[in-house]
All heavy atoms as atom14 arrays in JSON, in Angstrom:
{
  "sequence": "AGVGPLDTSHSLSNLRIDVTADTATVRCNAQVMHFPPGEGPDPARTRH",
  "atom14_mask": [
    [1, 1, 1, 1, 1, 0, 0, 0, 0, 0, 0, 0, 0, 0],
    [1, 1, 1, 1, 0, 0, 0, 0, 0, 0, 0, 0, 0, 0],
    [1, 1, 1, 1, 1, 1, 1, 0, 0, 0, 0, 0, 0, 0],
    [1, 1, 1, 1, 0, 0, 0, 0, 0, 0, 0, 0, 0, 0],
    [1, 1, 1, 1, 1, 1, 1, 0, 0, 0, 0, 0, 0, 0],
    [1, 1, 1, 1, 1, 1, 1, 1, 0, 0, 0, 0, 0, 0],
    [1, 1, 1, 1, 1, 1, 1, 1, 0, 0, 0, 0, 0, 0],
    [1, 1, 1, 1, 1, 1, 1, 0, 0, 0, 0, 0, 0, 0],
    [1, 1, 1, 1, 1, 1, 0, 0, 0, 0, 0, 0, 0, 0],
    [1, 1, 1, 1, 1, 1, 1, 1, 1, 1, 0, 0, 0, 0],
    [1, 1, 1, 1, 1, 1, 0, 0, 0, 0, 0, 0, 0, 0],
    [1, 1, 1, 1, 1, 1, 1, 1, 0, 0, 0, 0, 0, 0],
    [1, 1, 1, 1, 1, 1, 0, 0, 0, 0, 0, 0, 0, 0],
    [1, 1, 1, 1, 1, 1, 1, 1, 0, 0, 0, 0, 0, 0],
    [1, 1, 1, 1, 1, 1, 1, 1, 0, 0, 0, 0, 0, 0],
    [1, 1, 1, 1, 1, 1, 1, 1, 1, 1, 1, 0, 0, 0],
    [1, 1, 1, 1, 1, 1, 1, 1, 0, 0, 0, 0, 0, 0],
    [1, 1, 1, 1, 1, 1, 1, 1, 0, 0, 0, 0, 0, 0],
    [1, 1, 1, 1, 1, 1, 1, 0, 0, 0, 0, 0, 0, 0],
    [1, 1, 1, 1, 1, 1, 1, 0, 0, 0, 0, 0, 0, 0],
    [1, 1, 1, 1, 1, 0, 0, 0, 0, 0, 0, 0, 0, 0],
    [1, 1, 1, 1, 1, 1, 1, 1, 0, 0, 0, 0, 0, 0],
    [1, 1, 1, 1, 1, 1, 1, 0, 0, 0, 0, 0, 0, 0],
    [1, 1, 1, 1, 1, 0, 0, 0, 0, 0, 0, 0, 0, 0],
    [1, 1, 1, 1, 1, 1, 1, 0, 0, 0, 0, 0, 0, 0],
    [1, 1, 1, 1, 1, 1, 1, 0, 0, 0, 0, 0, 0, 0],
    [1, 1, 1, 1, 1, 1, 1, 1, 1, 1, 1, 0, 0, 0],
    [1, 1, 1, 1, 1, 1, 0, 0, 0, 0, 0, 0, 0, 0],
    [1, 1, 1, 1, 1, 1, 1, 1, 0, 0, 0, 0, 0, 0],
    [1, 1, 1, 1, 1, 0, 0, 0, 0, 0, 0, 0, 0, 0],
    [1, 1, 1, 1, 1, 1, 1, 1, 1, 0, 0, 0, 0, 0],
    [1, 1, 1, 1, 1, 1, 1, 0, 0, 0, 0, 0, 0, 0],
    [1, 1, 1, 1, 1, 1, 1, 1, 0, 0, 0, 0, 0, 0],
    [1, 1, 1, 1, 1, 1, 1, 1, 1, 1, 0, 0, 0, 0],
    [1, 1, 1, 1, 1, 1, 1, 1, 1, 1, 1, 0, 0, 0],
    [1, 1, 1, 1, 1, 1, 1, 0, 0, 0, 0, 0, 0, 0],
    [1, 1, 1, 1, 1, 1, 1, 0, 0, 0, 0, 0, 0, 0],
    [1, 1, 1, 1, 0, 0, 0, 0, 0, 0, 0, 0, 0, 0],
    [1, 1, 1, 1, 1, 1, 1, 1, 1, 0, 0, 0, 0, 0],
    [1, 1, 1, 1, 0, 0, 0, 0, 0, 0, 0, 0, 0, 0],
    [1, 1, 1, 1, 1, 1, 1, 0, 0, 0, 0, 0, 0, 0],
    [1, 1, 1, 1, 1, 1, 1, 1, 0, 0, 0, 0, 0, 0],
    [1, 1, 1, 1, 1, 1, 1, 0, 0, 0, 0, 0, 0, 0],
    [1, 1, 1, 1, 1, 0, 0, 0, 0, 0, 0, 0, 0, 0],
    [1, 1, 1, 1, 1, 1, 1, 1, 1, 1, 1, 0, 0, 0],
    [1, 1, 1, 1, 1, 1, 1, 0, 0, 0, 0, 0, 0, 0],
    [1, 1, 1, 1, 1, 1, 1, 1, 1, 1, 1, 0, 0, 0],
    [1, 1, 1, 1, 1, 1, 1, 1, 1, 1, 0, 0, 0, 0]
  ],
  "atom14_positions": [
    [[89.21, 107.03, 115.71], [90.58, 106.66, 116.0], [91.13, 105.46, 115.46], [92.21, 105.33, 114.99], [90.8, 106.71, 117.59], [0.0, 0.0, 0.0], [0.0, 0.0, 0.0], [0.0, 0.0, 0.0], [0.0, 0.0, 0.0], [0.0, 0.0, 0.0], [0.0, 0.0, 0.0], [0.0, 0.0, 0.0], [0.0, 0.0, 0.0], [0.0, 0.0, 0.0]],
    [[90.33, 104.39, 115.38], [90.66, 103.05, 115.02], [90.57, 102.85, 113.57], [91.43, 102.24, 112.83], [0.0, 0.0, 0.0], [0.0, 0.0, 0.0], [0.0, 0.0, 0.0], [0.0, 0.0, 0.0], [0.0, 0.0, 0.0], [0.0, 0.0, 0.0], [0.0, 0.0, 0.0], [0.0, 0.0, 0.0], [0.0, 0.0, 0.0], [0.0, 0.0, 0.0]],
    [[89.4, 103.27, 112.9], [89.08, 103.01, 111.5], [89.31, 104.21, 110.69], [89.84, 104.07, 109.53], [87.65, 102.54, 111.35], [87.33, 102.25, 109.85], [87.34, 101.31, 112.18], [0.0, 0.0, 0.0], [0.0, 0.0, 0.0], [0.0, 0.0, 0.0], [0.0, 0.0, 0.0], [0.0, 0.0, 0.0], [0.0, 0.0, 0.0], [0.0, 0.0, 0.0]],
    [[89.16, 105.44, 111.15], [89.22, 106.67, 110.45], [90.56, 106.83, 109.65], [90.53, 107.17, 108.5], [0.0, 0.0, 0.0], [0.0, 0.0, 0.0], [0.0, 0.0, 0.0], [0.0, 0.0, 0.0], [0.0, 0.0, 0.0], [0.0, 0.0, 0.0], [0.0, 0.0, 0.0], [0.0, 0.0, 0.0], [0.0, 0.0, 0.0], [0.0, 0.0, 0.0]],
    [[91.67, 106.48, 110.36], [92.97, 106.71, 109.57], [93.2, 105.66, 108.48], [94.06, 105.93, 107.6], [94.06, 106.58, 110.66], [93.36, 106.71, 111.93], [91.86, 106.24, 111.67], [0.0, 0.0, 0.0], [0.0, 0.0, 0.0], [0.0, 0.0, 0.0], [0.0, 0.0, 0.0], [0.0, 0.0, 0.0], [0.0, 0.0, 0.0], [0.0, 0.0, 0.0]],
    [[92.58, 104.48, 108.46], [92.77, 103.49, 107.5], [92.17, 103.91, 106.16], [91.24, 104.7, 106.07], [92.19, 102.11, 108.0], [92.72, 101.58, 109.31], [91.89, 100.33, 109.7], [94.19, 101.33, 109.26], [0.0, 0.0, 0.0], [0.0, 0.0, 0.0], [0.0, 0.0, 0.0], [0.0, 0.0, 0.0], [0.0, 0.0, 0.0], [0.0, 0.0, 0.0]],
    [[92.65, 103.26, 105.1], [92.01, 103.37, 103.79], [90.89, 102.21, 103.69], [91.35, 101.01, 103.82], [93.01, 103.14, 102.71], [94.04, 104.23, 102.51], [93.7, 105.41, 103.12], [95.06, 104.04, 101.93], [0.0, 0.0, 0.0], [0.0, 0.0, 0.0], [0.0, 0.0, 0.0], [0.0, 0.0, 0.0], [0.0, 0.0, 0.0], [0.0, 0.0, 0.0]],
    [[89.67, 102.61, 103.82], [88.59, 101.61, 103.96], [87.56, 101.69, 102.87], [87.4, 102.8, 102.28], [87.93, 101.68, 105.32], [87.28, 102.93, 105.4], [88.96, 101.57, 106.43], [0.0, 0.0, 0.0], [0.0, 0.0, 0.0], [0.0, 0.0, 0.0], [0.0, 0.0, 0.0], [0.0, 0.0, 0.0], [0.0, 0.0, 0.0], [0.0, 0.0, 0.0]],
    [[86.83, 100.69, 102.64], [85.59, 100.73, 101.94], [84.62, 99.77, 102.6], [84.77, 98.53, 102.83], [85.88, 100.16, 100.54], [84.7, 99.97, 99.77], [0.0, 0.0, 0.0], [0.0, 0.0, 0.0], [0.0, 0.0, 0.0], [0.0, 0.0, 0.0], [0.0, 0.0, 0.0], [0.0, 0.0, 0.0], [0.0, 0.0, 0.0], [0.0, 0.0, 0.0]],
    [[83.5, 100.31, 103.04], [82.44, 99.55, 103.75], [81.26, 99.5, 102.69], [80.58, 100.55, 102.54], [81.99, 100.25, 105.08], [83.0, 100.17, 106.1], [84.17, 100.95, 106.15], [83.01, 99.42, 107.23], [84.86, 100.61, 107.19], [84.27, 99.75, 107.89], [0.0, 0.0, 0.0], [0.0, 0.0, 0.0], [0.0, 0.0, 0.0], [0.0, 0.0, 0.0]],
    [[81.06, 98.47, 102.13], [79.97, 98.31, 101.1], [78.81, 97.46, 101.66], [79.01, 96.31, 102.0], [80.56, 97.68, 99.81], [81.6, 98.43, 99.3], [0.0, 0.0, 0.0], [0.0, 0.0, 0.0], [0.0, 0.0, 0.0], [0.0, 0.0, 0.0], [0.0, 0.0, 0.0], [0.0, 0.0, 0.0], [0.0, 0.0, 0.0], [0.0, 0.0, 0.0]],
    [[77.68, 98.04, 101.74], [76.51, 97.44, 102.3], [75.66, 96.88, 101.1], [75.46, 97.51, 100.03], [75.69, 98.32, 103.14], [76.38, 99.07, 104.24], [75.4, 99.87, 104.97], [77.05, 98.09, 105.21], [0.0, 0.0, 0.0], [0.0, 0.0, 0.0], [0.0, 0.0, 0.0], [0.0, 0.0, 0.0], [0.0, 0.0, 0.0], [0.0, 0.0, 0.0]],
    [[75.15, 95.6, 101.32], [74.33, 95.05, 100.24], [73.17, 94.13, 100.93], [73.31, 93.81, 102.07], [75.14, 94.09, 99.28], [75.73, 93.09, 99.94], [0.0, 0.0, 0.0], [0.0, 0.0, 0.0], [0.0, 0.0, 0.0], [0.0, 0.0, 0.0], [0.0, 0.0, 0.0], [0.0, 0.0, 0.0], [0.0, 0.0, 0.0], [0.0, 0.0, 0.0]],
    [[72.24, 93.86, 100.02], [71.15, 92.83, 100.49], [70.44, 93.37, 101.69], [70.16, 92.61, 102.57], [71.7, 91.43, 100.66], [72.39, 90.85, 99.41], [72.22, 91.44, 98.38], [72.98, 89.68, 99.61], [0.0, 0.0, 0.0], [0.0, 0.0, 0.0], [0.0, 0.0, 0.0], [0.0, 0.0, 0.0], [0.0, 0.0, 0.0], [0.0, 0.0, 0.0]],
    [[70.13, 94.66, 101.81], [69.48, 95.23, 102.92], [67.95, 94.65, 102.95], [67.29, 94.77, 101.94], [69.38, 96.78, 102.76], [70.54, 97.5, 103.38], [71.74, 97.43, 102.4], [70.2, 98.94, 103.62], [0.0, 0.0, 0.0], [0.0, 0.0, 0.0], [0.0, 0.0, 0.0], [0.0, 0.0, 0.0], [0.0, 0.0, 0.0], [0.0, 0.0, 0.0]],
    [[67.63, 94.1, 104.05], [66.3, 93.66, 104.32], [65.85, 94.46, 105.5], [66.44, 94.43, 106.65], [66.34, 92.14, 104.64], [66.69, 91.35, 103.35], [67.29, 89.96, 103.62], [67.89, 89.63, 104.83], [69.26, 89.82, 105.01], [70.07, 90.34, 104.18], [69.81, 89.32, 106.17], [0.0, 0.0, 0.0], [0.0, 0.0, 0.0], [0.0, 0.0, 0.0]],
    [[64.72, 95.16, 105.27], [64.33, 96.12, 106.31], [62.9, 95.82, 106.72], [62.0, 95.65, 105.8], [64.32, 97.57, 105.61], [65.75, 97.93, 105.2], [63.74, 98.59, 106.64], [65.82, 99.18, 104.27], [0.0, 0.0, 0.0], [0.0, 0.0, 0.0], [0.0, 0.0, 0.0], [0.0, 0.0, 0.0], [0.0, 0.0, 0.0], [0.0, 0.0, 0.0]],
    [[62.73, 95.69, 108.0], [61.36, 95.47, 108.57], [61.02, 96.73, 109.38], [61.84, 97.11, 110.27], [61.44, 94.24, 109.55], [61.65, 92.88, 108.79], [61.07, 92.76, 107.65], [62.54, 92.14, 109.21], [0.0, 0.0, 0.0], [0.0, 0.0, 0.0], [0.0, 0.0, 0.0], [0.0, 0.0, 0.0], [0.0, 0.0, 0.0], [0.0, 0.0, 0.0]],
    [[59.99, 97.28, 109.14], [59.48, 98.58, 109.78], [58.22, 98.34, 110.64], [57.31, 97.73, 110.06], [59.23, 99.68, 108.76], [58.86, 100.96, 109.45], [60.42, 99.92, 107.89], [0.0, 0.0, 0.0], [0.0, 0.0, 0.0], [0.0, 0.0, 0.0], [0.0, 0.0, 0.0], [0.0, 0.0, 0.0], [0.0, 0.0, 0.0], [0.0, 0.0, 0.0]],
    [[58.24, 98.74, 111.85], [57.1, 98.71, 112.76], [57.07, 100.13, 113.33], [57.78, 100.39, 114.33], [57.22, 97.62, 113.77], [57.44, 96.34, 113.16], [55.85, 97.53, 114.59], [0.0, 0.0, 0.0], [0.0, 0.0, 0.0], [0.0, 0.0, 0.0], [0.0, 0.0, 0.0], [0.0, 0.0, 0.0], [0.0, 0.0, 0.0], [0.0, 0.0, 0.0]],
    [[56.07, 100.92, 112.88], [55.83, 102.28, 113.43], [57.16, 103.08, 113.43], [57.76, 103.35, 112.36], [55.24, 102.25, 114.76], [0.0, 0.0, 0.0], [0.0, 0.0, 0.0], [0.0, 0.0, 0.0], [0.0, 0.0, 0.0], [0.0, 0.0, 0.0], [0.0, 0.0, 0.0], [0.0, 0.0, 0.0], [0.0, 0.0, 0.0], [0.0, 0.0, 0.0]],
    [[57.67, 103.3, 114.6], [58.9, 104.16, 114.67], [60.19, 103.38, 115.01], [61.17, 103.93, 115.45], [58.76, 105.24, 115.8], [57.67, 106.27, 115.35], [57.46, 106.5, 114.18], [57.09, 106.93, 116.27], [0.0, 0.0, 0.0], [0.0, 0.0, 0.0], [0.0, 0.0, 0.0], [0.0, 0.0, 0.0], [0.0, 0.0, 0.0], [0.0, 0.0, 0.0]],
    [[60.11, 102.01, 114.75], [61.34, 101.25, 114.96], [61.51, 100.41, 113.64], [60.55, 100.04, 112.99], [61.18, 100.24, 116.17], [60.15, 99.44, 115.92], [61.03, 101.12, 117.43], [0.0, 0.0, 0.0], [0.0, 0.0, 0.0], [0.0, 0.0, 0.0], [0.0, 0.0, 0.0], [0.0, 0.0, 0.0], [0.0, 0.0, 0.0], [0.0, 0.0, 0.0]],
    [[62.72, 99.94, 113.51], [63.01, 99.08, 112.31], [64.21, 98.17, 112.67], [65.08, 98.54, 113.44], [63.36, 99.94, 111.16], [0.0, 0.0, 0.0], [0.0, 0.0, 0.0], [0.0, 0.0, 0.0], [0.0, 0.0, 0.0], [0.0, 0.0, 0.0], [0.0, 0.0, 0.0], [0.0, 0.0, 0.0], [0.0, 0.0, 0.0], [0.0, 0.0, 0.0]],
    [[64.2, 97.07, 111.93], [65.35, 96.16, 111.95], [65.9, 95.98, 110.56], [65.19, 95.8, 109.59], [64.94, 94.77, 112.53], [64.38, 94.94, 113.82], [66.15, 93.85, 112.54], [0.0, 0.0, 0.0], [0.0, 0.0, 0.0], [0.0, 0.0, 0.0], [0.0, 0.0, 0.0], [0.0, 0.0, 0.0], [0.0, 0.0, 0.0], [0.0, 0.0, 0.0]],
    [[67.23, 96.14, 110.48], [67.9, 95.95, 109.17], [68.87, 94.77, 109.32], [69.58, 94.68, 110.25], [68.73, 97.21, 108.73], [69.5, 96.93, 107.47], [67.82, 98.46, 108.62], [0.0, 0.0, 0.0], [0.0, 0.0, 0.0], [0.0, 0.0, 0.0], [0.0, 0.0, 0.0], [0.0, 0.0, 0.0], [0.0, 0.0, 0.0], [0.0, 0.0, 0.0]],
    [[68.83, 93.89, 108.36], [69.78, 92.87, 108.16], [70.42, 93.01, 106.85], [69.75, 93.26, 105.8], [69.14, 91.46, 108.34], [68.64, 91.18, 109.75], [67.81, 89.87, 109.74], [67.16, 89.67, 110.97], [66.05, 90.31, 111.43], [65.43, 91.15, 110.61], [65.59, 90.06, 112.64], [0.0, 0.0, 0.0], [0.0, 0.0, 0.0], [0.0, 0.0, 0.0]],
    [[71.81, 93.0, 106.81], [72.48, 93.21, 105.5], [73.93, 92.69, 105.57], [74.47, 92.29, 106.67], [72.55, 94.71, 105.2], [73.56, 95.72, 106.33], [0.0, 0.0, 0.0], [0.0, 0.0, 0.0], [0.0, 0.0, 0.0], [0.0, 0.0, 0.0], [0.0, 0.0, 0.0], [0.0, 0.0, 0.0], [0.0, 0.0, 0.0], [0.0, 0.0, 0.0]],
    [[74.51, 92.61, 104.47], [75.96, 92.24, 104.31], [76.7, 93.46, 104.31], [76.35, 94.44, 103.73], [76.16, 91.47, 103.0], [75.43, 90.16, 103.02], [75.22, 89.5, 103.95], [75.07, 89.69, 101.78], [0.0, 0.0, 0.0], [0.0, 0.0, 0.0], [0.0, 0.0, 0.0], [0.0, 0.0, 0.0], [0.0, 0.0, 0.0], [0.0, 0.0, 0.0]],
    [[77.93, 93.38, 104.86], [78.81, 94.5, 104.91], [80.28, 93.94, 104.47], [80.91, 93.19, 105.27], [78.9, 95.15, 106.32], [0.0, 0.0, 0.0], [0.0, 0.0, 0.0], [0.0, 0.0, 0.0], [0.0, 0.0, 0.0], [0.0, 0.0, 0.0], [0.0, 0.0, 0.0], [0.0, 0.0, 0.0], [0.0, 0.0, 0.0], [0.0, 0.0, 0.0]],
    [[80.51, 94.16, 103.3], [81.87, 93.75, 102.85], [82.82, 94.96, 103.11], [82.61, 96.05, 102.55], [81.97, 93.39, 101.24], [83.27, 92.86, 100.94], [83.33, 92.26, 99.54], [82.35, 92.27, 98.82], [84.42, 91.63, 99.14], [0.0, 0.0, 0.0], [0.0, 0.0, 0.0], [0.0, 0.0, 0.0], [0.0, 0.0, 0.0], [0.0, 0.0, 0.0]],
    [[83.85, 94.59, 103.88], [84.66, 95.74, 104.42], [86.17, 95.46, 104.13], [86.74, 94.46, 104.61], [84.45, 95.85, 105.96], [85.16, 96.95, 106.54], [82.97, 95.94, 106.31], [0.0, 0.0, 0.0], [0.0, 0.0, 0.0], [0.0, 0.0, 0.0], [0.0, 0.0, 0.0], [0.0, 0.0, 0.0], [0.0, 0.0, 0.0], [0.0, 0.0, 0.0]],
    [[86.77, 96.44, 103.45], [88.16, 96.31, 102.99], [88.93, 97.33, 103.85], [88.51, 98.54, 103.9], [88.45, 96.55, 101.5], [89.83, 96.44, 101.18], [90.65, 94.91, 101.35], [90.27, 94.18, 99.89], [0.0, 0.0, 0.0], [0.0, 0.0, 0.0], [0.0, 0.0, 0.0], [0.0, 0.0, 0.0], [0.0, 0.0, 0.0], [0.0, 0.0, 0.0]],
    [[90.06, 96.97, 104.43], [90.89, 97.83, 105.18], [92.38, 97.72, 104.68], [92.79, 96.6, 104.51], [90.96, 97.48, 106.64], [89.61, 97.44, 107.34], [88.72, 96.39, 107.31], [88.9, 98.36, 108.07], [87.66, 96.65, 107.97], [87.78, 97.85, 108.51], [0.0, 0.0, 0.0], [0.0, 0.0, 0.0], [0.0, 0.0, 0.0], [0.0, 0.0, 0.0]],
    [[92.95, 98.85, 104.47], [94.42, 98.93, 104.16], [95.04, 99.84, 105.2], [94.38, 100.84, 105.74], [94.64, 99.51, 102.8], [94.4, 98.65, 101.58], [93.23, 98.51, 101.02], [95.39, 97.73, 101.23], [92.94, 97.68, 99.94], [95.26, 96.89, 100.15], [94.02, 96.82, 99.51], [0.0, 0.0, 0.0], [0.0, 0.0, 0.0], [0.0, 0.0, 0.0]],
    [[96.33, 99.64, 105.52], [97.0, 100.66, 106.38], [96.85, 102.02, 105.78], [96.72, 102.16, 104.55], [98.43, 100.09, 106.37], [98.4, 98.63, 106.19], [97.18, 98.57, 105.19], [0.0, 0.0, 0.0], [0.0, 0.0, 0.0], [0.0, 0.0, 0.0], [0.0, 0.0, 0.0], [0.0, 0.0, 0.0], [0.0, 0.0, 0.0], [0.0, 0.0, 0.0]],
    [[96.97, 103.1, 106.55], [96.84, 104.44, 106.06], [97.71, 104.76, 104.88], [98.92, 104.5, 104.86], [97.22, 105.33, 107.27], [96.97, 104.45, 108.44], [97.21, 103.06, 108.02], [0.0, 0.0, 0.0], [0.0, 0.0, 0.0], [0.0, 0.0, 0.0], [0.0, 0.0, 0.0], [0.0, 0.0, 0.0], [0.0, 0.0, 0.0], [0.0, 0.0, 0.0]],
    [[97.15, 105.27, 103.81], [97.85, 105.75, 102.63], [98.3, 104.59, 101.68], [98.76, 104.83, 100.61], [0.0, 0.0, 0.0], [0.0, 0.0, 0.0], [0.0, 0.0, 0.0], [0.0, 0.0, 0.0], [0.0, 0.0, 0.0], [0.0, 0.0, 0.0], [0.0, 0.0, 0.0], [0.0, 0.0, 0.0], [0.0, 0.0, 0.0], [0.0, 0.0, 0.0]],
    [[97.99, 103.35, 101.97], [98.41, 102.21, 101.24], [97.29, 101.72, 100.21], [97.7, 100.89, 99.3], [98.96, 101.07, 102.08], [100.26, 101.46, 102.84], [100.9, 100.25, 103.56], [100.42, 99.15, 103.32], [101.66, 100.57, 104.43], [0.0, 0.0, 0.0], [0.0, 0.0, 0.0], [0.0, 0.0, 0.0], [0.0, 0.0, 0.0], [0.0, 0.0, 0.0]],
    [[96.13, 102.11, 100.43], [95.0, 101.58, 99.67], [95.11, 101.72, 98.17], [94.96, 100.84, 97.36], [0.0, 0.0, 0.0], [0.0, 0.0, 0.0], [0.0, 0.0, 0.0], [0.0, 0.0, 0.0], [0.0, 0.0, 0.0], [0.0, 0.0, 0.0], [0.0, 0.0, 0.0], [0.0, 0.0, 0.0], [0.0, 0.0, 0.0], [0.0, 0.0, 0.0]],
    [[95.56, 102.93, 97.74], [95.74, 103.18, 96.28], [96.85, 102.61, 95.63], [97.06, 102.66, 94.39], [95.78, 104.7, 96.15], [95.43, 105.27, 97.56], [95.69, 104.17, 98.52], [0.0, 0.0, 0.0], [0.0, 0.0, 0.0], [0.0, 0.0, 0.0], [0.0, 0.0, 0.0], [0.0, 0.0, 0.0], [0.0, 0.0, 0.0], [0.0, 0.0, 0.0]],
    [[97.89, 102.1, 96.43], [99.12, 101.6, 95.88], [99.05, 100.11, 95.5], [98.92, 99.22, 96.28], [100.27, 101.73, 96.95], [101.58, 101.39, 96.46], [101.67, 100.8, 95.33], [102.58, 101.72, 97.13], [0.0, 0.0, 0.0], [0.0, 0.0, 0.0], [0.0, 0.0, 0.0], [0.0, 0.0, 0.0], [0.0, 0.0, 0.0], [0.0, 0.0, 0.0]],
    [[99.02, 99.83, 94.11], [98.93, 98.44, 93.64], [100.02, 97.47, 94.21], [99.82, 96.29, 94.2], [98.83, 98.45, 92.24], [99.42, 99.86, 91.88], [99.21, 100.69, 93.07], [0.0, 0.0, 0.0], [0.0, 0.0, 0.0], [0.0, 0.0, 0.0], [0.0, 0.0, 0.0], [0.0, 0.0, 0.0], [0.0, 0.0, 0.0], [0.0, 0.0, 0.0]],
    [[101.09, 98.05, 94.63], [102.21, 97.19, 95.13], [101.99, 96.76, 96.57], [102.71, 95.88, 97.04], [103.58, 98.0, 95.01], [0.0, 0.0, 0.0], [0.0, 0.0, 0.0], [0.0, 0.0, 0.0], [0.0, 0.0, 0.0], [0.0, 0.0, 0.0], [0.0, 0.0, 0.0], [0.0, 0.0, 0.0], [0.0, 0.0, 0.0], [0.0, 0.0, 0.0]],
    [[101.01, 97.49, 97.19], [100.78, 97.1, 98.65], [99.58, 96.14, 98.79], [98.53, 96.39, 98.17], [100.41, 98.33, 99.46], [101.42, 99.43, 99.31], [102.81, 98.99, 99.78], [102.7, 98.78, 101.21], [103.66, 98.44, 102.0], [104.9, 98.22, 101.5], [103.48, 98.23, 103.36], [0.0, 0.0, 0.0], [0.0, 0.0, 0.0], [0.0, 0.0, 0.0]],
    [[99.86, 94.94, 99.28], [98.85, 93.91, 99.32], [98.4, 93.52, 100.68], [97.56, 92.71, 100.92], [99.4, 92.64, 98.6], [100.49, 92.19, 99.2], [99.57, 92.91, 97.17], [0.0, 0.0, 0.0], [0.0, 0.0, 0.0], [0.0, 0.0, 0.0], [0.0, 0.0, 0.0], [0.0, 0.0, 0.0], [0.0, 0.0, 0.0], [0.0, 0.0, 0.0]],
    [[99.04, 94.13, 101.74], [98.59, 93.92, 103.12], [97.31, 94.6, 103.32], [97.14, 95.78, 103.2], [99.7, 94.47, 104.04], [99.44, 94.11, 105.42], [100.63, 94.44, 106.37], [100.27, 94.36, 107.77], [100.07, 95.38, 108.55], [100.33, 96.54, 108.23], [99.7, 95.18, 109.83], [0.0, 0.0, 0.0], [0.0, 0.0, 0.0], [0.0, 0.0, 0.0]],
    [[96.38, 93.71, 103.78], [94.94, 94.18, 103.96], [94.25, 93.38, 104.91], [94.69, 92.29, 105.31], [94.31, 94.22, 102.61], [94.0, 92.82, 102.01], [94.98, 92.14, 101.3], [92.91, 92.09, 102.12], [94.49, 90.96, 101.04], [93.33, 90.87, 101.44], [0.0, 0.0, 0.0], [0.0, 0.0, 0.0], [0.0, 0.0, 0.0], [0.0, 0.0, 0.0]]
  ]
}
């Protein structure tokens, strides 16, 4: 409801993964861009 309608890009990087049997911990960066619905592809729209 909150993020789905927006034009978004969630880019994960620098994943560091520690695994112990059936559990794991991940630490990573998440660069996240949000535009109002339908405005992401419009170069004239800069609100983000």
